[in-house]
């Protein structure tokens, strides 16, 4: 049986308490059962993890693969559906899925080679191209992923008259205005709103493929902001941030006005997360980005 990584165990336990501990205790047996039923065998390499799931290197009739098993919640609910919709076009190919177990069988990518390790201009351009490529028309199920129009309406309502120190009221007002103005006419493309440099890995069949999508139905420009706050360097001034946005927009053939305005909305959302979690880095990055985007 696999050993659940200690860091993942601590993260799930802290987030989900007794329910998380029960799920973790059953996880090794669940992985063994899925491997037997899908004709897989464990392969060399460590069990990796993110915030919500583990990734076990396995082998099947198709060669080296990756078995991902995730805690099932709203964050992971639409991952398999999105990967199936993309069918390997810009993202890791989904080979099998068992929703009841939170299990996905994926083509194996190189976890040691991500856009985190690539010069920033090159990484931003590659991510921008993937963001555009992954933004495709879909026919969602009735209870499908969140729609940007509905999210914008909710943000405008939540952020009305509810200042959060140290978020300047002018920043909140600008974000609410964007939600009111752009939300009703937002698009309905499938968009990965959590595409960032660590979530783009080297592949065999293509240079880079996305993993771990968190999706929304909306404008592709709504997915730009994580590429700004990830790899944030407090030594960078507005000129460097402007250049990064320009690189992403040009590579992804995005609307620069929409990219900037939706990014401010996302930065406010990110700033509130940083305040709630006590993230010093998040607060610093959000403050710098909001100051620049709000100019």
C-alpha atoms as a PDB file:
ATOM      1  CA  UNK A   1       0.000   0.000   0.000  1.00  0.00           C
ATOM      2  CA  UNK A   2       1.038   3.591  -0.541  1.00  0.00           C
ATOM      3  CA  UNK A   3       2.181   5.867   2.253  1.00  0.00           C
ATOM      4  CA  UNK A   4       0.159   9.069   2.410  1.00  0.00           C
ATOM      5  CA  UNK A   5       2.595  12.033   2.453  1.00  0.00           C
ATOM      6  CA  UNK A   6       2.751  13.639   5.894  1.00  0.00           C
ATOM      7  CA  UNK A   7       2.247  17.131   4.498  1.00  0.00           C
ATOM      8  CA  UNK A   8      -0.900  16.090   2.672  1.00  0.00           C
ATOM      9  CA  UNK A   9      -2.210  14.302   5.754  1.00  0.00           C
ATOM     10  CA  UNK A  10      -1.722  17.443   7.834  1.00  0.00           C
ATOM     11  CA  UNK A  11      -3.360  19.664   5.214  1.00  0.00           C
ATOM     12  CA  UNK A  12      -6.483  17.514   4.822  1.00  0.00           C
ATOM     13  CA  UNK A  13      -6.815  17.004   8.561  1.00  0.00           C
ATOM     14  CA  UNK A  14      -6.549  20.729   9.233  1.00  0.00           C
ATOM     15  CA  UNK A  15      -9.113  21.545   6.549  1.00  0.00           C
ATOM     16  CA  UNK A  16     -11.658  18.763   7.123  1.00  0.00           C
ATOM     17  CA  UNK A  17     -11.192  17.450  10.647  1.00  0.00           C
ATOM     18  CA  UNK A  18     -12.610  14.040  11.528  1.00  0.00           C
ATOM     19  CA  UNK A  19     -14.094  13.513   8.049  1.00  0.00           C
ATOM     20  CA  UNK A  20     -10.679  14.196   6.546  1.00  0.00           C
ATOM     21  CA  UNK A  21      -8.980  11.733   8.905  1.00  0.00           C
ATOM     22  CA  UNK A  22     -11.486   9.006   7.975  1.00  0.00           C
ATOM     23  CA  UNK A  23     -10.909   9.631   4.273  1.00  0.00           C
ATOM     24  CA  UNK A  24      -7.137   9.573   4.738  1.00  0.00           C
ATOM     25  CA  UNK A  25      -7.232   6.308   6.654  1.00  0.00           C
ATOM     26  CA  UNK A  26      -9.142   4.657   3.808  1.00  0.00           C
ATOM     27  CA  UNK A  27      -7.033   6.213   1.047  1.00  0.00           C
ATOM     28  CA  UNK A  28      -4.251   3.562   0.724  1.00  0.00           C
ATOM     29  CA  UNK A  29      -6.807   0.753   0.418  1.00  0.00           C
ATOM     30  CA  UNK A  30      -8.822   2.790  -2.074  1.00  0.00           C
ATOM     31  CA  UNK A  31      -5.739   3.305  -4.240  1.00  0.00           C
ATOM     32  CA  UNK A  32      -4.975  -0.428  -4.132  1.00  0.00           C
ATOM     33  CA  UNK A  33      -8.540  -1.296  -5.125  1.00  0.00           C
ATOM     34  CA  UNK A  34      -8.562   1.127  -8.054  1.00  0.00           C
ATOM     35  CA  UNK A  35      -5.212  -0.199  -9.271  1.00  0.00           C
ATOM     36  CA  UNK A  36      -6.539  -3.762  -9.262  1.00  0.00           C
ATOM     37  CA  UNK A  37      -9.756  -2.853 -11.028  1.00  0.00           C
ATOM     38  CA  UNK A  38      -8.025  -0.717 -13.664  1.00  0.00           C
ATOM     39  CA  UNK A  39      -5.139  -3.103 -14.253  1.00  0.00           C
ATOM     40  CA  UNK A  40      -2.473  -0.791 -12.861  1.00  0.00           C
ATOM     41  CA  UNK A  41       0.644  -1.439 -10.834  1.00  0.00           C
ATOM     42  CA  UNK A  42       2.633   1.062  -8.762  1.00  0.00           C
ATOM     43  CA  UNK A  43       5.698   2.466 -10.476  1.00  0.00           C
ATOM     44  CA  UNK A  44       8.929   3.958  -9.211  1.00  0.00           C
ATOM     45  CA  UNK A  45       8.713   7.466  -7.880  1.00  0.00           C
ATOM     46  CA  UNK A  46       7.286   9.294  -4.880  1.00  0.00           C
ATOM     47  CA  UNK A  47       3.612   9.867  -4.171  1.00  0.00           C
ATOM     48  CA  UNK A  48       3.097  13.553  -4.888  1.00  0.00           C
ATOM     49  CA  UNK A  49       0.344  15.818  -3.652  1.00  0.00           C
ATOM     50  CA  UNK A  50      -1.253  19.223  -3.955  1.00  0.00           C
ATOM     51  CA  UNK A  51      -3.865  20.850  -1.760  1.00  0.00           C
ATOM     52  CA  UNK A  52      -6.690  18.414  -2.475  1.00  0.00           C
ATOM     53  CA  UNK A  53      -5.267  15.182  -3.862  1.00  0.00           C
ATOM     54  CA  UNK A  54      -2.398  12.764  -4.253  1.00  0.00           C
ATOM     55  CA  UNK A  55      -0.790  11.584  -7.491  1.00  0.00           C
ATOM     56  CA  UNK A  56       0.574   8.041  -7.597  1.00  0.00           C
ATOM     57  CA  UNK A  57       2.948   6.988 -10.411  1.00  0.00           C
ATOM     58  CA  UNK A  58       1.556   3.796 -11.967  1.00  0.00           C
ATOM     59  CA  UNK A  59       1.956   1.634 -15.035  1.00  0.00           C
ATOM     60  CA  UNK A  60      -0.739   0.154 -17.226  1.00  0.00           C
ATOM     61  CA  UNK A  61      -1.027  -1.319 -20.683  1.00  0.00           C
ATOM     62  CA  UNK A  62      -0.412   2.176 -22.079  1.00  0.00           C
ATOM     63  CA  UNK A  63       2.880   2.549 -20.183  1.00  0.00           C
ATOM     64  CA  UNK A  64       3.646   5.131 -17.486  1.00  0.00           C
ATOM     65  CA  UNK A  65       0.538   6.858 -16.140  1.00  0.00           C
ATOM     66  CA  UNK A  66      -0.535   8.900 -13.126  1.00  0.00           C
ATOM     67  CA  UNK A  67      -3.364   7.987 -10.767  1.00  0.00           C
ATOM     68  CA  UNK A  68      -4.806  11.026  -9.022  1.00  0.00           C
ATOM     69  CA  UNK A  69      -7.184  10.624  -6.077  1.00  0.00           C
ATOM     70  CA  UNK A  70      -8.688  13.790  -4.619  1.00  0.00           C
ATOM     71  CA  UNK A  71     -10.823  14.906  -1.729  1.00  0.00           C
ATOM     72  CA  UNK A  72     -14.170  15.576  -3.373  1.00  0.00           C
ATOM     73  CA  UNK A  73     -15.531  19.098  -2.989  1.00  0.00           C
ATOM     74  CA  UNK A  74     -16.454  22.110  -5.113  1.00  0.00           C
ATOM     75  CA  UNK A  75     -12.779  22.715  -5.936  1.00  0.00           C
ATOM     76  CA  UNK A  76     -12.347  19.319  -7.584  1.00  0.00           C
ATOM     77  CA  UNK A  77     -15.903  18.642  -8.763  1.00  0.00           C
ATOM     78  CA  UNK A  78     -15.419  19.726 -12.387  1.00  0.00           C
ATOM     79  CA  UNK A  79     -11.824  18.640 -12.966  1.00  0.00           C
ATOM     80  CA  UNK A  80     -12.625  15.380 -14.775  1.00  0.00           C
ATOM     81  CA  UNK A  81     -15.382  17.001 -16.822  1.00  0.00           C
ATOM     82  CA  UNK A  82     -13.047  19.776 -17.975  1.00  0.00           C
ATOM     83  CA  UNK A  83     -10.223  17.367 -18.823  1.00  0.00           C
ATOM     84  CA  UNK A  84     -12.661  15.247 -20.834  1.00  0.00           C
ATOM     85  CA  UNK A  85     -13.872  18.344 -22.682  1.00  0.00           C
ATOM     86  CA  UNK A  86     -10.307  19.284 -23.621  1.00  0.00           C
ATOM     87  CA  UNK A  87      -9.521  15.684 -24.676  1.00  0.00           C
ATOM     88  CA  UNK A  88      -5.799  16.243 -24.253  1.00  0.00           C
ATOM     89  CA  UNK A  89      -5.753  19.506 -26.204  1.00  0.00           C
ATOM     90  CA  UNK A  90      -3.547  21.676 -24.005  1.00  0.00           C
ATOM     91  CA  UNK A  91      -4.042  19.633 -20.846  1.00  0.00           C
ATOM     92  CA  UNK A  92      -3.125  16.223 -19.474  1.00  0.00           C
ATOM     93  CA  UNK A  93      -5.163  13.522 -21.201  1.00  0.00           C
ATOM     94  CA  UNK A  94      -7.829  11.841 -19.054  1.00  0.00           C
ATOM     95  CA  UNK A  95      -7.917   8.061 -19.595  1.00  0.00           C
ATOM     96  CA  UNK A  96     -10.386   6.958 -16.924  1.00  0.00           C
ATOM     97  CA  UNK A  97     -12.454   8.520 -14.178  1.00  0.00           C
ATOM     98  CA  UNK A  98     -14.421   7.282 -11.180  1.00  0.00           C
ATOM     99  CA  UNK A  99     -16.359  10.152  -9.659  1.00  0.00           C
ATOM    100  CA  UNK A 100     -17.429   8.262  -6.530  1.00  0.00           C
ATOM    101  CA  UNK A 101     -13.780   7.760  -5.575  1.00  0.00           C
ATOM    102  CA  UNK A 102     -12.447  11.094  -6.801  1.00  0.00           C
ATOM    103  CA  UNK A 103     -10.084   9.083  -9.017  1.00  0.00           C
ATOM    104  CA  UNK A 104      -8.586  10.154 -12.347  1.00  0.00           C
ATOM    105  CA  UNK A 105      -6.213   8.149 -14.509  1.00  0.00           C
ATOM    106  CA  UNK A 106      -4.024  10.553 -16.467  1.00  0.00           C
ATOM    107  CA  UNK A 107      -1.144  10.524 -18.873  1.00  0.00           C
ATOM    108  CA  UNK A 108       2.030  11.013 -16.897  1.00  0.00           C
ATOM    109  CA  UNK A 109       3.832  14.327 -17.174  1.00  0.00           C
ATOM    110  CA  UNK A 110       7.163  15.340 -15.671  1.00  0.00           C
ATOM    111  CA  UNK A 111       6.519  16.726 -12.165  1.00  0.00           C
ATOM    112  CA  UNK A 112      10.092  17.995 -11.965  1.00  0.00           C
ATOM    113  CA  UNK A 113       9.746  20.230 -15.036  1.00  0.00           C
ATOM    114  CA  UNK A 114       7.176  23.003 -14.711  1.00  0.00           C
ATOM    115  CA  UNK A 115       6.968  26.585 -15.922  1.00  0.00           C
ATOM    116  CA  UNK A 116       8.130  27.558 -12.415  1.00  0.00           C
ATOM    117  CA  UNK A 117      11.654  26.645 -13.568  1.00  0.00           C
ATOM    118  CA  UNK A 118      11.562  28.532 -16.882  1.00  0.00           C
ATOM    119  CA  UNK A 119      12.610  32.186 -17.407  1.00  0.00           C
ATOM    120  CA  UNK A 120       9.626  34.359 -16.634  1.00  0.00           C
ATOM    121  CA  UNK A 121       9.033  35.883 -20.072  1.00  0.00           C
ATOM    122  CA  UNK A 122       9.132  32.443 -21.684  1.00  0.00           C
ATOM    123  CA  UNK A 123       6.890  30.984 -18.992  1.00  0.00           C
ATOM    124  CA  UNK A 124       4.351  33.823 -19.232  1.00  0.00           C
ATOM    125  CA  UNK A 125       4.128  33.460 -23.013  1.00  0.00           C
ATOM    126  CA  UNK A 126       3.686  29.676 -22.814  1.00  0.00           C
ATOM    127  CA  UNK A 127       1.000  30.026 -20.147  1.00  0.00           C
ATOM    128  CA  UNK A 128      -0.783  32.739 -22.127  1.00  0.00           C
ATOM    129  CA  UNK A 129      -0.966  30.477 -25.173  1.00  0.00           C
ATOM    130  CA  UNK A 130      -2.333  27.632 -23.042  1.00  0.00           C
ATOM    131  CA  UNK A 131      -4.928  29.906 -21.437  1.00  0.00           C
ATOM    132  CA  UNK A 132      -6.280  30.789 -24.878  1.00  0.00           C
ATOM    133  CA  UNK A 133      -6.100  27.206 -26.111  1.00  0.00           C
ATOM    134  CA  UNK A 134      -8.035  25.893 -23.125  1.00  0.00           C
ATOM    135  CA  UNK A 135     -10.764  28.527 -23.485  1.00  0.00           C
ATOM    136  CA  UNK A 136     -13.224  26.584 -25.616  1.00  0.00           C
ATOM    137  CA  UNK A 137     -16.981  26.466 -26.173  1.00  0.00           C
ATOM    138  CA  UNK A 138     -18.733  23.669 -24.299  1.00  0.00           C
ATOM    139  CA  UNK A 139     -22.206  22.402 -23.574  1.00  0.00           C
ATOM    140  CA  UNK A 140     -22.223  22.173 -19.779  1.00  0.00           C
ATOM    141  CA  UNK A 141     -24.554  19.971 -17.758  1.00  0.00           C
ATOM    142  CA  UNK A 142     -27.541  21.620 -16.136  1.00  0.00           C
ATOM    143  CA  UNK A 143     -25.722  21.986 -12.818  1.00  0.00           C
ATOM    144  CA  UNK A 144     -22.435  22.794 -14.546  1.00  0.00           C
ATOM    145  CA  UNK A 145     -19.426  24.841 -13.433  1.00  0.00           C
ATOM    146  CA  UNK A 146     -19.934  28.356 -12.056  1.00  0.00           C
ATOM    147  CA  UNK A 147     -20.675  31.064 -14.594  1.00  0.00           C
ATOM    148  CA  UNK A 148     -18.684  34.270 -14.509  1.00  0.00           C
ATOM    149  CA  UNK A 149     -21.841  36.346 -14.843  1.00  0.00           C
ATOM    150  CA  UNK A 150     -23.197  34.826 -11.614  1.00  0.00           C
ATOM    151  CA  UNK A 151     -19.852  35.124  -9.834  1.00  0.00           C
ATOM    152  CA  UNK A 152     -19.589  38.804 -10.765  1.00  0.00           C
ATOM    153  CA  UNK A 153     -23.077  39.462  -9.451  1.00  0.00           C
ATOM    154  CA  UNK A 154     -22.207  37.718  -6.191  1.00  0.00           C
ATOM    155  CA  UNK A 155     -18.917  39.617  -5.799  1.00  0.00           C
ATOM    156  CA  UNK A 156     -20.630  42.962  -6.382  1.00  0.00           C
ATOM    157  CA  UNK A 157     -23.151  42.131  -3.690  1.00  0.00           C
ATOM    158  CA  UNK A 158     -20.640  40.734  -1.181  1.00  0.00           C
ATOM    159  CA  UNK A 159     -18.220  43.632  -1.551  1.00  0.00           C
ATOM    160  CA  UNK A 160     -20.834  46.356  -1.220  1.00  0.00           C
ATOM    161  CA  UNK A 161     -20.383  48.395   1.948  1.00  0.00           C
ATOM    162  CA  UNK A 162     -18.072  45.780   3.481  1.00  0.00           C
ATOM    163  CA  UNK A 163     -14.570  47.316   3.630  1.00  0.00           C
ATOM    164  CA  UNK A 164     -11.748  44.978   4.494  1.00  0.00           C
ATOM    165  CA  UNK A 165      -8.695  46.575   6.056  1.00  0.00           C
ATOM    166  CA  UNK A 166      -6.175  47.058   4.480  1.00  0.00           C
ATOM    167  CA  UNK A 167      -7.953  46.834   1.089  1.00  0.00           C
ATOM    168  CA  UNK A 168      -8.545  50.450   0.004  1.00  0.00           C
ATOM    169  CA  UNK A 169     -12.181  51.334  -0.595  1.00  0.00           C
ATOM    170  CA  UNK A 170     -11.229  52.686  -4.036  1.00  0.00           C
ATOM    171  CA  UNK A 171      -9.943  49.226  -5.022  1.00  0.00           C
ATOM    172  CA  UNK A 172     -13.124  47.540  -3.816  1.00  0.00           C
ATOM    173  CA  UNK A 173     -15.240  50.117  -5.635  1.00  0.00           C
ATOM    174  CA  UNK A 174     -13.316  49.602  -8.878  1.00  0.00           C
ATOM    175  CA  UNK A 175     -13.675  45.827  -8.620  1.00  0.00           C
ATOM    176  CA  UNK A 176     -17.404  46.115  -7.940  1.00  0.00           C
ATOM    177  CA  UNK A 177     -17.801  48.461 -10.884  1.00  0.00           C
ATOM    178  CA  UNK A 178     -16.085  45.962 -13.167  1.00  0.00           C
ATOM    179  CA  UNK A 179     -18.395  43.203 -11.921  1.00  0.00           C
ATOM    180  CA  UNK A 180     -21.472  45.335 -12.579  1.00  0.00           C
ATOM    181  CA  UNK A 181     -20.302  46.491 -16.008  1.00  0.00           C
ATOM    182  CA  UNK A 182     -18.702  43.345 -17.412  1.00  0.00           C
ATOM    183  CA  UNK A 183     -20.542  40.591 -15.585  1.00  0.00           C
ATOM    184  CA  UNK A 184     -23.861  40.673 -17.469  1.00  0.00           C
ATOM    185  CA  UNK A 185     -22.110  40.361 -20.845  1.00  0.00           C
ATOM    186  CA  UNK A 186     -19.434  37.873 -19.780  1.00  0.00           C
ATOM    187  CA  UNK A 187     -18.716  35.041 -22.194  1.00  0.00           C
ATOM    188  CA  UNK A 188     -19.436  31.378 -21.592  1.00  0.00           C
ATOM    189  CA  UNK A 189     -16.230  29.653 -22.688  1.00  0.00           C
ATOM    190  CA  UNK A 190     -14.681  26.938 -20.545  1.00  0.00           C
ATOM    191  CA  UNK A 191     -11.849  28.772 -18.746  1.00  0.00           C
ATOM    192  CA  UNK A 192      -9.183  27.462 -16.378  1.00  0.00           C
ATOM    193  CA  UNK A 193      -9.197  30.093 -13.637  1.00  0.00           C
ATOM    194  CA  UNK A 194      -6.292  28.465 -11.769  1.00  0.00           C
ATOM    195  CA  UNK A 195      -3.726  28.197 -14.549  1.00  0.00           C
ATOM    196  CA  UNK A 196      -0.357  29.098 -13.084  1.00  0.00           C
ATOM    197  CA  UNK A 197       3.273  28.181 -13.637  1.00  0.00           C
ATOM    198  CA  UNK A 198       3.396  25.206 -11.262  1.00  0.00           C
ATOM    199  CA  UNK A 199       0.298  23.769 -12.953  1.00  0.00           C
ATOM    200  CA  UNK A 200       1.976  23.520 -16.359  1.00  0.00           C
ATOM    201  CA  UNK A 201       4.282  20.522 -16.754  1.00  0.00           C
ATOM    202  CA  UNK A 202       6.594  19.179 -19.413  1.00  0.00           C
ATOM    203  CA  UNK A 203       5.011  16.442 -21.530  1.00  0.00           C
ATOM    204  CA  UNK A 204       6.211  13.861 -24.031  1.00  0.00           C
ATOM    205  CA  UNK A 205       3.787  14.634 -26.846  1.00  0.00           C
ATOM    206  CA  UNK A 206       3.935  18.430 -26.430  1.00  0.00           C
ATOM    207  CA  UNK A 207       6.297  20.838 -24.698  1.00  0.00           C
ATOM    208  CA  UNK A 208       3.801  21.901 -22.022  1.00  0.00           C
ATOM    209  CA  UNK A 209       0.411  20.718 -20.752  1.00  0.00           C
ATOM    210  CA  UNK A 210      -1.852  22.009 -17.986  1.00  0.00           C
ATOM    211  CA  UNK A 211      -2.889  20.028 -14.918  1.00  0.00           C
ATOM    212  CA  UNK A 212      -5.263  20.466 -11.973  1.00  0.00           C
ATOM    213  CA  UNK A 213      -7.836  22.780 -13.604  1.00  0.00           C
ATOM    214  CA  UNK A 214     -10.370  24.822 -11.659  1.00  0.00           C
ATOM    215  CA  UNK A 215     -12.881  26.019 -14.211  1.00  0.00           C
ATOM    216  CA  UNK A 216     -15.466  28.696 -14.783  1.00  0.00           C
ATOM    217  CA  UNK A 217     -17.684  29.512 -17.758  1.00  0.00           C
ATOM    218  CA  UNK A 218     -16.732  33.007 -18.813  1.00  0.00           C
ATOM    219  CA  UNK A 219     -14.084  35.178 -20.466  1.00  0.00           C
ATOM    220  CA  UNK A 220     -10.546  33.808 -20.899  1.00  0.00           C
ATOM    221  CA  UNK A 221      -9.218  37.085 -19.473  1.00  0.00           C
ATOM    222  CA  UNK A 222     -10.645  35.996 -16.096  1.00  0.00           C
ATOM    223  CA  UNK A 223      -7.846  33.420 -15.976  1.00  0.00           C
ATOM    224  CA  UNK A 224      -4.932  35.868 -16.268  1.00  0.00           C
ATOM    225  CA  UNK A 225      -4.503  36.984 -12.649  1.00  0.00           C
ATOM    226  CA  UNK A 226      -2.897  33.810 -11.199  1.00  0.00           C
ATOM    227  CA  UNK A 227      -0.102  34.317 -13.740  1.00  0.00           C
ATOM    228  CA  UNK A 228       0.516  37.723 -12.153  1.00  0.00           C
ATOM    229  CA  UNK A 229       0.506  36.855  -8.457  1.00  0.00           C
ATOM    230  CA  UNK A 230       2.372  33.576  -8.908  1.00  0.00           C
ATOM    231  CA  UNK A 231       6.111  34.174  -9.190  1.00  0.00           C
ATOM    232  CA  UNK A 232       5.483  37.643  -7.761  1.00  0.00           C
ATOM    233  CA  UNK A 233       8.688  39.391  -6.758  1.00  0.00           C
ATOM    234  CA  UNK A 234       8.306  42.408  -4.441  1.00  0.00           C
ATOM    235  CA  UNK A 235      11.376  43.938  -6.103  1.00  0.00           C
ATOM    236  CA  UNK A 236       9.495  44.203  -9.393  1.00  0.00           C
ATOM    237  CA  UNK A 237       8.048  47.590 -10.165  1.00  0.00           C
ATOM    238  CA  UNK A 238       4.966  48.499 -12.205  1.00  0.00           C
ATOM    239  CA  UNK A 239       6.996  48.399 -15.405  1.00  0.00           C
ATOM    240  CA  UNK A 240       7.847  44.715 -14.962  1.00  0.00           C
ATOM    241  CA  UNK A 241       4.264  43.839 -14.043  1.00  0.00           C
ATOM    242  CA  UNK A 242       3.023  45.720 -17.093  1.00  0.00           C
ATOM    243  CA  UNK A 243       5.459  43.824 -19.262  1.00  0.00           C
ATOM    244  CA  UNK A 244       4.333  40.471 -17.876  1.00  0.00           C
ATOM    245  CA  UNK A 245       0.685  41.293 -18.557  1.00  0.00           C
ATOM    246  CA  UNK A 246       1.553  42.404 -22.077  1.00  0.00           C
ATOM    247  CA  UNK A 247       3.409  39.145 -22.737  1.00  0.00           C
ATOM    248  CA  UNK A 248       0.460  37.056 -21.511  1.00  0.00           C
ATOM    249  CA  UNK A 249      -2.094  39.106 -23.453  1.00  0.00           C
ATOM    250  CA  UNK A 250      -0.118  39.029 -26.675  1.00  0.00           C
ATOM    251  CA  UNK A 251       0.674  35.315 -26.494  1.00  0.00           C
ATOM    252  CA  UNK A 252      -2.918  34.452 -25.610  1.00  0.00           C
ATOM    253  CA  UNK A 253      -4.499  36.879 -28.081  1.00  0.00           C
ATOM    254  CA  UNK A 254      -6.514  38.342 -25.222  1.00  0.00           C
ATOM    255  CA  UNK A 255      -8.304  41.656 -24.803  1.00  0.00           C
ATOM    256  CA  UNK A 256      -5.925  43.885 -22.784  1.00  0.00           C
ATOM    257  CA  UNK A 257      -8.717  45.938 -21.197  1.00  0.00           C
ATOM    258  CA  UNK A 258     -10.681  42.868 -20.114  1.00  0.00           C
ATOM    259  CA  UNK A 259      -7.483  41.226 -18.861  1.00  0.00           C
ATOM    260  CA  UNK A 260      -6.616  44.207 -16.680  1.00  0.00           C
ATOM    261  CA  UNK A 261     -10.139  44.764 -15.329  1.00  0.00           C
ATOM    262  CA  UNK A 262     -10.921  41.122 -14.552  1.00  0.00           C
ATOM    263  CA  UNK A 263      -7.468  40.766 -13.000  1.00  0.00           C
ATOM    264  CA  UNK A 264      -8.286  43.496 -10.498  1.00  0.00           C
ATOM    265  CA  UNK A 265     -11.435  41.575  -9.511  1.00  0.00           C
ATOM    266  CA  UNK A 266      -9.400  38.393  -9.085  1.00  0.00           C
ATOM    267  CA  UNK A 267      -6.755  40.249  -7.061  1.00  0.00           C
ATOM    268  CA  UNK A 268      -9.421  41.505  -4.644  1.00  0.00           C
ATOM    269  CA  UNK A 269     -10.670  37.933  -4.270  1.00  0.00           C
ATOM    270  CA  UNK A 270      -7.074  36.771  -3.734  1.00  0.00           C
ATOM    271  CA  UNK A 271      -6.417  39.566  -1.213  1.00  0.00           C
ATOM    272  CA  UNK A 272      -9.429  38.524   0.842  1.00  0.00           C
ATOM    273  CA  UNK A 273      -8.141  34.949   0.834  1.00  0.00           C
ATOM    274  CA  UNK A 274      -4.731  36.215   2.009  1.00  0.00           C
ATOM    275  CA  UNK A 275      -6.332  38.169   4.838  1.00  0.00           C
ATOM    276  CA  UNK A 276      -8.426  35.194   5.914  1.00  0.00           C
ATOM    277  CA  UNK A 277      -5.465  32.805   5.894  1.00  0.00           C
ATOM    278  CA  UNK A 278      -2.850  35.193   7.270  1.00  0.00           C
ATOM    279  CA  UNK A 279      -0.650  34.911   4.191  1.00  0.00           C
ATOM    280  CA  UNK A 280       1.998  37.627   4.445  1.00  0.00           C
ATOM    281  CA  UNK A 281       3.227  36.921   0.913  1.00  0.00           C
ATOM    282  CA  UNK A 282      -0.349  36.985  -0.424  1.00  0.00           C
ATOM    283  CA  UNK A 283      -1.086  40.312   1.241  1.00  0.00           C
ATOM    284  CA  UNK A 284       2.088  41.850  -0.163  1.00  0.00           C
ATOM    285  CA  UNK A 285       1.471  40.542  -3.688  1.00  0.00           C
ATOM    286  CA  UNK A 286      -2.183  41.549  -3.692  1.00  0.00           C
ATOM    287  CA  UNK A 287      -1.448  45.055  -2.428  1.00  0.00           C
ATOM    288  CA  UNK A 288       1.187  45.648  -5.116  1.00  0.00           C
ATOM    289  CA  UNK A 289      -0.962  44.237  -7.903  1.00  0.00           C
ATOM    290  CA  UNK A 290      -4.066  46.148  -6.816  1.00  0.00           C
ATOM    291  CA  UNK A 291      -2.084  49.381  -6.643  1.00  0.00           C
ATOM    292  CA  UNK A 292      -0.818  48.875 -10.184  1.00  0.00           C
ATOM    293  CA  UNK A 293      -4.020  47.508 -11.739  1.00  0.00           C
ATOM    294  CA  UNK A 294      -6.087  50.229 -10.121  1.00  0.00           C
ATOM    295  CA  UNK A 295      -4.089  53.077 -11.697  1.00  0.00           C
END
